[in-house]
């Protein structure tokens, strides 16, 4: 596969993911939150606020105060 065809392939994959997110925005946002919580759960910030990958948006909003 040439460089350009590999790039075009990756672009098609990204477009497919974007279309899926447009068609199911709630699921896409929940998946994004789950990824972020998975990445931050083991950090000092995550431990301080009790972050867990299975948290809902409401759980997260209650655990992390609004900051400036």
Protein backbone atom coordinates (compact mmCIF):
# COMPACT_ATOMS: atom_id res chain seq x y z
CA UNK A 1 0.00 0.00 0.00
CA UNK A 2 1.45 3.36 -1.01
CA UNK A 3 1.70 6.28 1.36
CA UNK A 4 -1.23 8.06 -0.25
CA UNK A 5 -3.49 5.02 -0.24
CA UNK A 6 -2.64 4.40 3.42
CA UNK A 7 -3.51 8.01 4.20
CA UNK A 8 -6.78 7.75 2.26
CA UNK A 9 -7.62 4.53 4.12
CA UNK A 10 -7.07 6.21 7.49
CA UNK A 11 -9.20 9.14 6.36
CA UNK A 12 -12.06 6.79 5.42
CA UNK A 13 -11.82 5.09 8.81
CA UNK A 14 -11.91 8.44 10.62
CA UNK A 15 -14.88 9.57 8.53
CA UNK A 16 -16.71 6.37 9.39
CA UNK A 17 -16.15 6.98 13.11
CA UNK A 18 -17.34 10.57 12.74
CA UNK A 19 -20.51 9.52 10.90
CA UNK A 20 -21.21 6.94 13.61
CA UNK A 21 -20.82 9.67 16.26
CA UNK A 22 -23.21 11.96 14.36
CA UNK A 23 -25.78 9.18 14.18
CA UNK A 24 -25.50 8.30 17.89
CA UNK A 25 -24.13 11.34 19.74
CA UNK A 26 -25.07 10.17 23.23
CA UNK A 27 -23.25 6.87 22.77
CA UNK A 28 -20.24 8.67 21.29
CA UNK A 29 -20.06 11.07 24.22
CA UNK A 30 -20.42 8.25 26.75
CA UNK A 31 -17.62 6.34 25.02
CA UNK A 32 -15.42 9.46 25.09
CA UNK A 33 -16.11 9.98 28.81
CA UNK A 34 -15.31 6.30 29.49
CA UNK A 35 -11.97 6.62 27.63
CA UNK A 36 -11.06 9.78 29.56
CA UNK A 37 -12.04 8.23 32.88
CA UNK A 38 -10.02 5.09 32.10
CA UNK A 39 -6.97 7.23 31.35
CA UNK A 40 -7.32 9.47 34.42
CA UNK A 41 -8.60 7.00 37.03
CA UNK A 42 -5.05 6.07 38.11
CA UNK A 43 -3.76 9.64 38.24
CA UNK A 44 -3.47 11.79 41.35
CA UNK A 45 -6.41 13.90 40.10
CA UNK A 46 -8.45 10.75 39.46
CA UNK A 47 -7.70 9.37 42.91
CA UNK A 48 -8.50 12.71 44.55
CA UNK A 49 -11.94 12.77 42.92
CA UNK A 50 -12.68 9.03 42.92
CA UNK A 51 -12.81 8.75 39.13
CA UNK A 52 -13.76 5.33 37.75
CA UNK A 53 -14.35 4.22 34.15
CA UNK A 54 -17.93 3.12 34.88
CA UNK A 55 -19.03 6.59 36.08
CA UNK A 56 -21.96 8.29 34.40
CA UNK A 57 -21.93 11.93 33.36
CA UNK A 58 -23.95 12.76 36.49
CA UNK A 59 -21.43 10.88 38.68
CA UNK A 60 -18.56 12.75 37.05
CA UNK A 61 -20.31 16.10 37.47
CA UNK A 62 -20.80 15.37 41.17
CA UNK A 63 -17.21 14.24 41.68
CA UNK A 64 -15.34 17.02 39.86
CA UNK A 65 -16.05 20.60 40.96
CA UNK A 66 -16.27 23.44 38.46
CA UNK A 67 -12.98 25.31 38.31
CA UNK A 68 -11.70 28.42 36.61
